[in-house]
PDB file of all heavy atoms in Angstrom:
ATOM      1  N   PRO A   1     -12.014  -2.367  -9.738  1.00  0.00           N
ATOM      2  CA  PRO A   1     -11.472  -2.721  -8.433  1.00  0.00           C
ATOM      3  C   PRO A   1     -12.295  -2.224  -7.244  1.00  0.00           C
ATOM      4  O   PRO A   1     -11.748  -2.039  -6.157  1.00  0.00           O
ATOM      5  CB  PRO A   1     -10.102  -2.058  -8.440  1.00  0.00           C
ATOM      6  CG  PRO A   1     -10.342  -0.774  -9.173  1.00  0.00           C
ATOM      7  CD  PRO A   1     -11.374  -1.131 -10.243  1.00  0.00           C
ATOM      8  N   ALA A   2     -13.598  -1.994  -7.431  1.00  0.00           N
ATOM      9  CA  ALA A   2     -14.425  -1.452  -6.336  1.00  0.00           C
ATOM     10  C   ALA A   2     -14.304  -2.301  -5.076  1.00  0.00           C
ATOM     11  O   ALA A   2     -14.177  -1.769  -3.971  1.00  0.00           O
ATOM     12  CB  ALA A   2     -15.887  -1.369  -6.773  1.00  0.00           C
ATOM     13  N   GLN A   3     -14.325  -3.612  -5.218  1.00  0.00           N
ATOM     14  CA  GLN A   3     -14.269  -4.503  -4.055  1.00  0.00           C
ATOM     15  C   GLN A   3     -12.937  -4.353  -3.317  1.00  0.00           C
ATOM     16  O   GLN A   3     -12.896  -4.293  -2.087  1.00  0.00           O
ATOM     17  CB  GLN A   3     -14.474  -5.961  -4.492  1.00  0.00           C
ATOM     18  CG  GLN A   3     -15.817  -6.216  -5.131  1.00  0.00           C
ATOM     19  CD  GLN A   3     -15.905  -5.795  -6.596  1.00  0.00           C
ATOM     20  OE1 GLN A   3     -14.918  -5.445  -7.225  1.00  0.00           O
ATOM     21  NE2 GLN A   3     -17.110  -5.841  -7.148  1.00  0.00           N
ATOM     22  N   LEU A   4     -11.864  -4.298  -4.060  1.00  0.00           N
ATOM     23  CA  LEU A   4     -10.542  -4.136  -3.467  1.00  0.00           C
ATOM     24  C   LEU A   4     -10.442  -2.799  -2.734  1.00  0.00           C
ATOM     25  O   LEU A   4      -9.926  -2.722  -1.619  1.00  0.00           O
ATOM     26  CB  LEU A   4      -9.477  -4.234  -4.559  1.00  0.00           C
ATOM     27  CG  LEU A   4      -8.035  -4.364  -4.141  1.00  0.00           C
ATOM     28  CD1 LEU A   4      -7.808  -5.623  -3.337  1.00  0.00           C
ATOM     29  CD2 LEU A   4      -7.137  -4.349  -5.360  1.00  0.00           C
ATOM     30  N   GLU A   5     -10.970  -1.760  -3.336  1.00  0.00           N
ATOM     31  CA  GLU A   5     -10.945  -0.436  -2.718  1.00  0.00           C
ATOM     32  C   GLU A   5     -11.757  -0.411  -1.425  1.00  0.00           C
ATOM     33  O   GLU A   5     -11.376   0.266  -0.463  1.00  0.00           O
ATOM     34  CB  GLU A   5     -11.480   0.613  -3.690  1.00  0.00           C
ATOM     35  CG  GLU A   5     -10.564   0.825  -4.881  1.00  0.00           C
ATOM     36  CD  GLU A   5     -11.206   1.627  -5.997  1.00  0.00           C
ATOM     37  OE1 GLU A   5     -12.438   1.882  -5.936  1.00  0.00           O
ATOM     38  OE2 GLU A   5     -10.488   1.986  -6.932  1.00  0.00           O
ATOM     39  N   ASP A   6     -12.850  -1.146  -1.384  1.00  0.00           N
ATOM     40  CA  ASP A   6     -13.699  -1.144  -0.196  1.00  0.00           C
ATOM     41  C   ASP A   6     -13.020  -1.785   1.005  1.00  0.00           C
ATOM     42  O   ASP A   6     -13.368  -1.495   2.143  1.00  0.00           O
ATOM     43  CB  ASP A   6     -15.031  -1.836  -0.473  1.00  0.00           C
ATOM     44  CG  ASP A   6     -15.961  -0.971  -1.297  1.00  0.00           C
ATOM     45  OD1 ASP A   6     -15.617   0.200  -1.569  1.00  0.00           O
ATOM     46  OD2 ASP A   6     -17.031  -1.466  -1.666  1.00  0.00           O
ATOM     47  N   VAL A   7     -12.074  -2.641   0.788  1.00  0.00           N
ATOM     48  CA  VAL A   7     -11.404  -3.296   1.900  1.00  0.00           C
ATOM     49  C   VAL A   7     -10.275  -2.400   2.445  1.00  0.00           C
ATOM     50  O   VAL A   7      -9.440  -2.816   3.218  1.00  0.00           O
ATOM     51  CB  VAL A   7     -10.941  -4.723   1.519  1.00  0.00           C
ATOM     52  CG1 VAL A   7     -10.305  -5.456   2.680  1.00  0.00           C
ATOM     53  CG2 VAL A   7     -12.151  -5.538   1.056  1.00  0.00           C
ATOM     54  N   LEU A   8     -10.341  -1.144   2.099  1.00  0.00           N
ATOM     55  CA  LEU A   8      -9.462  -0.161   2.732  1.00  0.00           C
ATOM     56  C   LEU A   8      -9.743  -0.070   4.224  1.00  0.00           C
ATOM     57  O   LEU A   8      -9.027   0.601   4.949  1.00  0.00           O
ATOM     58  CB  LEU A   8      -9.646   1.223   2.091  1.00  0.00           C
ATOM     59  CG  LEU A   8      -9.031   1.386   0.714  1.00  0.00           C
ATOM     60  CD1 LEU A   8      -9.479   2.711   0.100  1.00  0.00           C
ATOM     61  CD2 LEU A   8      -7.514   1.331   0.787  1.00  0.00           C
ATOM     62  N   THR A   9     -10.778  -0.765   4.684  1.00  0.00           N
ATOM     63  CA  THR A   9     -11.055  -0.805   6.116  1.00  0.00           C
ATOM     64  C   THR A   9      -9.853  -1.319   6.888  1.00  0.00           C
ATOM     65  O   THR A   9      -9.730  -1.052   8.076  1.00  0.00           O
ATOM     66  CB  THR A   9     -12.268  -1.704   6.426  1.00  0.00           C
ATOM     67  OG1 THR A   9     -12.064  -2.978   5.834  1.00  0.00           O
ATOM     68  CG2 THR A   9     -13.545  -1.084   5.917  1.00  0.00           C
ATOM     69  N   LEU A  10      -8.952  -2.028   6.206  1.00  0.00           N
ATOM     70  CA  LEU A  10      -7.781  -2.506   6.917  1.00  0.00           C
ATOM     71  C   LEU A  10      -6.961  -1.334   7.433  1.00  0.00           C
ATOM     72  O   LEU A  10      -6.311  -1.430   8.461  1.00  0.00           O
ATOM     73  CB  LEU A  10      -6.941  -3.454   6.068  1.00  0.00           C
ATOM     74  CG  LEU A  10      -6.217  -2.901   4.846  1.00  0.00           C
ATOM     75  CD1 LEU A  10      -4.777  -2.568   5.191  1.00  0.00           C
ATOM     76  CD2 LEU A  10      -6.238  -3.959   3.762  1.00  0.00           C
ATOM     77  N   PHE A  11      -7.005  -0.193   6.750  1.00  0.00           N
ATOM     78  CA  PHE A  11      -6.278   0.975   7.260  1.00  0.00           C
ATOM     79  C   PHE A  11      -6.951   1.516   8.509  1.00  0.00           C
ATOM     80  O   PHE A  11      -6.288   1.936   9.446  1.00  0.00           O
ATOM     81  CB  PHE A  11      -6.160   2.052   6.192  1.00  0.00           C
ATOM     82  CG  PHE A  11      -5.240   1.659   5.063  1.00  0.00           C
ATOM     83  CD1 PHE A  11      -5.644   1.782   3.752  1.00  0.00           C
ATOM     84  CD2 PHE A  11      -3.976   1.157   5.331  1.00  0.00           C
ATOM     85  CE1 PHE A  11      -4.792   1.407   2.725  1.00  0.00           C
ATOM     86  CE2 PHE A  11      -3.124   0.783   4.311  1.00  0.00           C
ATOM     87  CZ  PHE A  11      -3.532   0.912   2.996  1.00  0.00           C
ATOM     88  N   TRP A  12      -8.283   1.506   8.540  1.00  0.00           N
ATOM     89  CA  TRP A  12      -8.990   1.922   9.751  1.00  0.00           C
ATOM     90  C   TRP A  12      -8.618   1.004  10.910  1.00  0.00           C
ATOM     91  O   TRP A  12      -8.339   1.462  12.021  1.00  0.00           O
ATOM     92  CB  TRP A  12     -10.505   1.918   9.509  1.00  0.00           C
ATOM     93  CG  TRP A  12     -11.274   2.196  10.757  1.00  0.00           C
ATOM     94  CD1 TRP A  12     -11.594   3.420  11.280  1.00  0.00           C
ATOM     95  CD2 TRP A  12     -11.803   1.230  11.663  1.00  0.00           C
ATOM     96  NE1 TRP A  12     -12.292   3.263  12.451  1.00  0.00           N
ATOM     97  CE2 TRP A  12     -12.432   1.928  12.715  1.00  0.00           C
ATOM     98  CE3 TRP A  12     -11.810  -0.162  11.698  1.00  0.00           C
ATOM     99  CZ2 TRP A  12     -13.068   1.279  13.769  1.00  0.00           C
ATOM    100  CZ3 TRP A  12     -12.427  -0.799  12.754  1.00  0.00           C
ATOM    101  CH2 TRP A  12     -13.048  -0.074  13.775  1.00  0.00           C
ATOM    102  N   ALA A  13      -8.610  -0.301  10.657  1.00  0.00           N
ATOM    103  CA  ALA A  13      -8.259  -1.257  11.707  1.00  0.00           C
ATOM    104  C   ALA A  13      -6.844  -1.008  12.204  1.00  0.00           C
ATOM    105  O   ALA A  13      -6.577  -1.080  13.404  1.00  0.00           O
ATOM    106  CB  ALA A  13      -8.401  -2.691  11.197  1.00  0.00           C
ATOM    107  N   GLY A  14      -5.934  -0.700  11.304  1.00  0.00           N
ATOM    108  CA  GLY A  14      -4.561  -0.418  11.704  1.00  0.00           C
ATOM    109  C   GLY A  14      -4.450   0.800  12.589  1.00  0.00           C
ATOM    110  O   GLY A  14      -3.599   0.856  13.482  1.00  0.00           O
ATOM    111  N   GLU A  15      -5.320   1.766  12.386  1.00  0.00           N
ATOM    112  CA  GLU A  15      -5.313   2.956  13.233  1.00  0.00           C
ATOM    113  C   GLU A  15      -5.869   2.653  14.620  1.00  0.00           C
ATOM    114  O   GLU A  15      -5.549   3.345  15.580  1.00  0.00           O
ATOM    115  CB  GLU A  15      -6.115   4.072  12.562  1.00  0.00           C
ATOM    116  CG  GLU A  15      -5.419   4.591  11.305  1.00  0.00           C
ATOM    117  CD  GLU A  15      -6.315   5.450  10.441  1.00  0.00           C
ATOM    118  OE1 GLU A  15      -7.502   5.642  10.789  1.00  0.00           O
ATOM    119  OE2 GLU A  15      -5.827   5.919   9.406  1.00  0.00           O
ATOM    120  N   GLN A  16      -6.697   1.609  14.742  1.00  0.00           N
ATOM    121  CA  GLN A  16      -7.253   1.224  16.038  1.00  0.00           C
ATOM    122  C   GLN A  16      -6.273   0.378  16.844  1.00  0.00           C
ATOM    123  O   GLN A  16      -6.323   0.361  18.065  1.00  0.00           O
ATOM    124  CB  GLN A  16      -8.558   0.426  15.856  1.00  0.00           C
ATOM    125  CG  GLN A  16      -9.588   1.067  14.972  1.00  0.00           C
ATOM    126  CD  GLN A  16      -9.925   2.479  15.389  1.00  0.00           C
ATOM    127  OE1 GLN A  16     -10.289   2.718  16.529  1.00  0.00           O
ATOM    128  NE2 GLN A  16      -9.792   3.421  14.471  1.00  0.00           N
ATOM    129  N   ALA A  17      -5.408  -0.336  16.152  1.00  0.00           N
ATOM    130  CA  ALA A  17      -4.475  -1.244  16.811  1.00  0.00           C
ATOM    131  C   ALA A  17      -3.426  -0.474  17.596  1.00  0.00           C
ATOM    132  O   ALA A  17      -3.027   0.627  17.219  1.00  0.00           O
ATOM    133  CB  ALA A  17      -3.800  -2.138  15.766  1.00  0.00           C
ATOM    134  N   ALA A  18      -2.982  -1.063  18.685  1.00  0.00           N
ATOM    135  CA  ALA A  18      -1.896  -0.478  19.477  1.00  0.00           C
ATOM    136  C   ALA A  18      -0.595  -0.603  18.694  1.00  0.00           C
ATOM    137  O   ALA A  18      -0.445  -1.483  17.833  1.00  0.00           O
ATOM    138  CB  ALA A  18      -1.784  -1.205  20.813  1.00  0.00           C
ATOM    139  N   ASP A  19       0.351   0.272  18.978  1.00  0.00           N
ATOM    140  CA  ASP A  19       1.654   0.199  18.316  1.00  0.00           C
ATOM    141  C   ASP A  19       2.256  -1.182  18.510  1.00  0.00           C
ATOM    142  O   ASP A  19       2.240  -1.727  19.610  1.00  0.00           O
ATOM    143  CB  ASP A  19       2.599   1.258  18.876  1.00  0.00           C
ATOM    144  CG  ASP A  19       2.265   2.652  18.368  1.00  0.00           C
ATOM    145  OD1 ASP A  19       1.628   2.760  17.305  1.00  0.00           O
ATOM    146  OD2 ASP A  19       2.641   3.629  19.037  1.00  0.00           O
ATOM    147  N   GLY A  20       2.757  -1.736  17.429  1.00  0.00           N
ATOM    148  CA  GLY A  20       3.382  -3.043  17.477  1.00  0.00           C
ATOM    149  C   GLY A  20       2.421  -4.213  17.404  1.00  0.00           C
ATOM    150  O   GLY A  20       2.844  -5.349  17.292  1.00  0.00           O
ATOM    151  N   GLU A  21       1.119  -3.946  17.475  1.00  0.00           N
ATOM    152  CA  GLU A  21       0.131  -5.022  17.404  1.00  0.00           C
ATOM    153  C   GLU A  21       0.003  -5.468  15.947  1.00  0.00           C
ATOM    154  O   GLU A  21      -0.134  -4.646  15.059  1.00  0.00           O
ATOM    155  CB  GLU A  21      -1.206  -4.495  17.926  1.00  0.00           C
ATOM    156  CG  GLU A  21      -2.138  -5.545  18.400  1.00  0.00           C
ATOM    157  CD  GLU A  21      -3.367  -4.946  19.082  1.00  0.00           C
ATOM    158  OE1 GLU A  21      -3.647  -3.750  18.923  1.00  0.00           O
ATOM    159  OE2 GLU A  21      -4.039  -5.706  19.772  1.00  0.00           O
ATOM    160  N   PRO A  22       0.047  -6.774  15.670  1.00  0.00           N
ATOM    161  CA  PRO A  22      -0.004  -7.229  14.278  1.00  0.00           C
ATOM    162  C   PRO A  22      -1.366  -6.975  13.631  1.00  0.00           C
ATOM    163  O   PRO A  22      -2.398  -6.970  14.299  1.00  0.00           O
ATOM    164  CB  PRO A  22       0.293  -8.724  14.363  1.00  0.00           C
ATOM    165  CG  PRO A  22       0.097  -9.105  15.772  1.00  0.00           C
ATOM    166  CD  PRO A  22       0.221  -7.873  16.604  1.00  0.00           C
ATOM    167  N   LEU A  23      -1.329  -6.776  12.326  1.00  0.00           N
ATOM    168  CA  LEU A  23      -2.519  -6.602  11.513  1.00  0.00           C
ATOM    169  C   LEU A  23      -2.403  -7.562  10.341  1.00  0.00           C
ATOM    170  O   LEU A  23      -1.378  -7.596   9.659  1.00  0.00           O
ATOM    171  CB  LEU A  23      -2.619  -5.166  10.994  1.00  0.00           C
ATOM    172  CG  LEU A  23      -3.704  -4.890   9.954  1.00  0.00           C
ATOM    173  CD1 LEU A  23      -5.088  -5.035  10.582  1.00  0.00           C
ATOM    174  CD2 LEU A  23      -3.530  -3.509   9.368  1.00  0.00           C
ATOM    175  N   ALA A  24      -3.449  -8.348  10.135  1.00  0.00           N
ATOM    176  CA  ALA A  24      -3.473  -9.297   9.025  1.00  0.00           C
ATOM    177  C   ALA A  24      -4.754  -9.077   8.238  1.00  0.00           C
ATOM    178  O   ALA A  24      -5.719  -8.498   8.732  1.00  0.00           O
ATOM    179  CB  ALA A  24      -3.417 -10.736   9.544  1.00  0.00           C
ATOM    180  N   VAL A  25      -4.737  -9.524   7.004  1.00  0.00           N
ATOM    181  CA  VAL A  25      -5.918  -9.486   6.163  1.00  0.00           C
ATOM    182  C   VAL A  25      -6.177 -10.908   5.693  1.00  0.00           C
ATOM    183  O   VAL A  25      -5.245 -11.659   5.420  1.00  0.00           O
ATOM    184  CB  VAL A  25      -5.751  -8.492   4.983  1.00  0.00           C
ATOM    185  CG1 VAL A  25      -4.585  -8.866   4.087  1.00  0.00           C
ATOM    186  CG2 VAL A  25      -7.035  -8.358   4.178  1.00  0.00           C
ATOM    187  N   GLY A  26      -7.431 -11.296   5.633  1.00  0.00           N
ATOM    188  CA  GLY A  26      -7.771 -12.645   5.218  1.00  0.00           C
ATOM    189  C   GLY A  26      -9.153 -12.675   4.616  1.00  0.00           C
ATOM    190  O   GLY A  26      -9.879 -11.680   4.643  1.00  0.00           O
ATOM    191  N   GLY A  27      -9.505 -13.804   4.067  1.00  0.00           N
ATOM    192  CA  GLY A  27     -10.823 -13.937   3.481  1.00  0.00           C
ATOM    193  C   GLY A  27     -11.070 -15.321   2.948  1.00  0.00           C
ATOM    194  O   GLY A  27     -10.165 -16.148   2.868  1.00  0.00           O
ATOM    195  N   ASP A  28     -12.305 -15.544   2.586  1.00  0.00           N
ATOM    196  CA  ASP A  28     -12.751 -16.819   2.045  1.00  0.00           C
ATOM    197  C   ASP A  28     -13.204 -16.607   0.612  1.00  0.00           C
ATOM    198  O   ASP A  28     -13.941 -15.655   0.338  1.00  0.00           O
ATOM    199  CB  ASP A  28     -13.917 -17.331   2.897  1.00  0.00           C
ATOM    200  CG  ASP A  28     -14.576 -18.540   2.285  1.00  0.00           C
ATOM    201  OD1 ASP A  28     -13.976 -19.619   2.352  1.00  0.00           O
ATOM    202  OD2 ASP A  28     -15.671 -18.384   1.723  1.00  0.00           O
ATOM    203  N   SER A  29     -12.773 -17.463  -0.306  1.00  0.00           N
ATOM    204  CA  SER A  29     -13.221 -17.431  -1.696  1.00  0.00           C
ATOM    205  C   SER A  29     -12.916 -16.066  -2.314  1.00  0.00           C
ATOM    206  O   SER A  29     -11.757 -15.666  -2.364  1.00  0.00           O
ATOM    207  CB  SER A  29     -14.707 -17.808  -1.770  1.00  0.00           C
ATOM    208  OG  SER A  29     -15.114 -17.996  -3.103  1.00  0.00           O
ATOM    209  N   ALA A  30     -13.927 -15.333  -2.748  1.00  0.00           N
ATOM    210  CA  ALA A  30     -13.684 -14.007  -3.338  1.00  0.00           C
ATOM    211  C   ALA A  30     -12.976 -13.104  -2.336  1.00  0.00           C
ATOM    212  O   ALA A  30     -12.100 -12.318  -2.699  1.00  0.00           O
ATOM    213  CB  ALA A  30     -14.995 -13.372  -3.789  1.00  0.00           C
ATOM    214  N   GLY A  31     -13.325 -13.218  -1.064  1.00  0.00           N
ATOM    215  CA  GLY A  31     -12.655 -12.444  -0.028  1.00  0.00           C
ATOM    216  C   GLY A  31     -11.182 -12.797   0.089  1.00  0.00           C
ATOM    217  O   GLY A  31     -10.348 -11.944   0.381  1.00  0.00           O
ATOM    218  N   GLY A  32     -10.840 -14.062  -0.148  1.00  0.00           N
ATOM    219  CA  GLY A  32      -9.437 -14.473  -0.164  1.00  0.00           C
ATOM    220  C   GLY A  32      -8.690 -13.834  -1.320  1.00  0.00           C
ATOM    221  O   GLY A  32      -7.521 -13.465  -1.186  1.00  0.00           O
ATOM    222  N   THR A  33      -9.362 -13.684  -2.447  1.00  0.00           N
ATOM    223  CA  THR A  33      -8.748 -13.007  -3.588  1.00  0.00           C
ATOM    224  C   THR A  33      -8.495 -11.539  -3.262  1.00  0.00           C
ATOM    225  O   THR A  33      -7.451 -10.979  -3.610  1.00  0.00           O
ATOM    226  CB  THR A  33      -9.650 -13.126  -4.835  1.00  0.00           C
ATOM    227  OG1 THR A  33      -9.876 -14.515  -5.098  1.00  0.00           O
ATOM    228  CG2 THR A  33      -9.013 -12.478  -6.047  1.00  0.00           C
ATOM    229  N   ILE A  34      -9.437 -10.908  -2.582  1.00  0.00           N
ATOM    230  CA  ILE A  34      -9.253  -9.514  -2.167  1.00  0.00           C
ATOM    231  C   ILE A  34      -8.061  -9.419  -1.218  1.00  0.00           C
ATOM    232  O   ILE A  34      -7.207  -8.539  -1.356  1.00  0.00           O
ATOM    233  CB  ILE A  34     -10.535  -8.968  -1.512  1.00  0.00           C
ATOM    234  CG1 ILE A  34     -11.649  -8.847  -2.562  1.00  0.00           C
ATOM    235  CG2 ILE A  34     -10.270  -7.628  -0.831  1.00  0.00           C
ATOM    236  CD1 ILE A  34     -13.016  -8.561  -1.979  1.00  0.00           C
ATOM    237  N   ALA A  35      -7.980 -10.339  -0.248  1.00  0.00           N
ATOM    238  CA  ALA A  35      -6.869 -10.335   0.699  1.00  0.00           C
ATOM    239  C   ALA A  35      -5.539 -10.529  -0.022  1.00  0.00           C
ATOM    240  O   ALA A  35      -4.555  -9.848   0.269  1.00  0.00           O
ATOM    241  CB  ALA A  35      -7.068 -11.423   1.755  1.00  0.00           C
ATOM    242  N   ALA A  36      -5.509 -11.451  -0.974  1.00  0.00           N
ATOM    243  CA  ALA A  36      -4.279 -11.684  -1.734  1.00  0.00           C
ATOM    244  C   ALA A  36      -3.908 -10.448  -2.545  1.00  0.00           C
ATOM    245  O   ALA A  36      -2.728 -10.097  -2.657  1.00  0.00           O
ATOM    246  CB  ALA A  36      -4.446 -12.887  -2.657  1.00  0.00           C
ATOM    247  N   GLY A  37      -4.905  -9.775  -3.097  1.00  0.00           N
ATOM    248  CA  GLY A  37      -4.645  -8.553  -3.851  1.00  0.00           C
ATOM    249  C   GLY A  37      -4.005  -7.481  -2.995  1.00  0.00           C
ATOM    250  O   GLY A  37      -3.058  -6.817  -3.414  1.00  0.00           O
ATOM    251  N   TRP A  38      -4.499  -7.324  -1.772  1.00  0.00           N
ATOM    252  CA  TRP A  38      -3.913  -6.332  -0.872  1.00  0.00           C
ATOM    253  C   TRP A  38      -2.523  -6.740  -0.450  1.00  0.00           C
ATOM    254  O   TRP A  38      -1.614  -5.910  -0.381  1.00  0.00           O
ATOM    255  CB  TRP A  38      -4.789  -6.121   0.360  1.00  0.00           C
ATOM    256  CG  TRP A  38      -5.723  -4.985   0.144  1.00  0.00           C
ATOM    257  CD1 TRP A  38      -7.061  -5.060  -0.039  1.00  0.00           C
ATOM    258  CD2 TRP A  38      -5.379  -3.612   0.045  1.00  0.00           C
ATOM    259  NE1 TRP A  38      -7.571  -3.801  -0.243  1.00  0.00           N
ATOM    260  CE2 TRP A  38      -6.565  -2.900  -0.194  1.00  0.00           C
ATOM    261  CE3 TRP A  38      -4.186  -2.907   0.127  1.00  0.00           C
ATOM    262  CZ2 TRP A  38      -6.588  -1.515  -0.344  1.00  0.00           C
ATOM    263  CZ3 TRP A  38      -4.210  -1.524  -0.024  1.00  0.00           C
ATOM    264  CH2 TRP A  38      -5.397  -0.852  -0.258  1.00  0.00           C
TER     265      TRP A  38
END
C-alpha cells in the first residue's frame, strides 16, 4: 500500500484548510483508485 500511504498529504491539506472548508480527494485512473481507497 505504499501509494495509498503516500497520499496522506490529504491530512496536510486538511490542516491548511480553514475550519468548515470542504476537503475532497480525487484522481485519474490509478489515482482514482487511490482516492476511492481513502
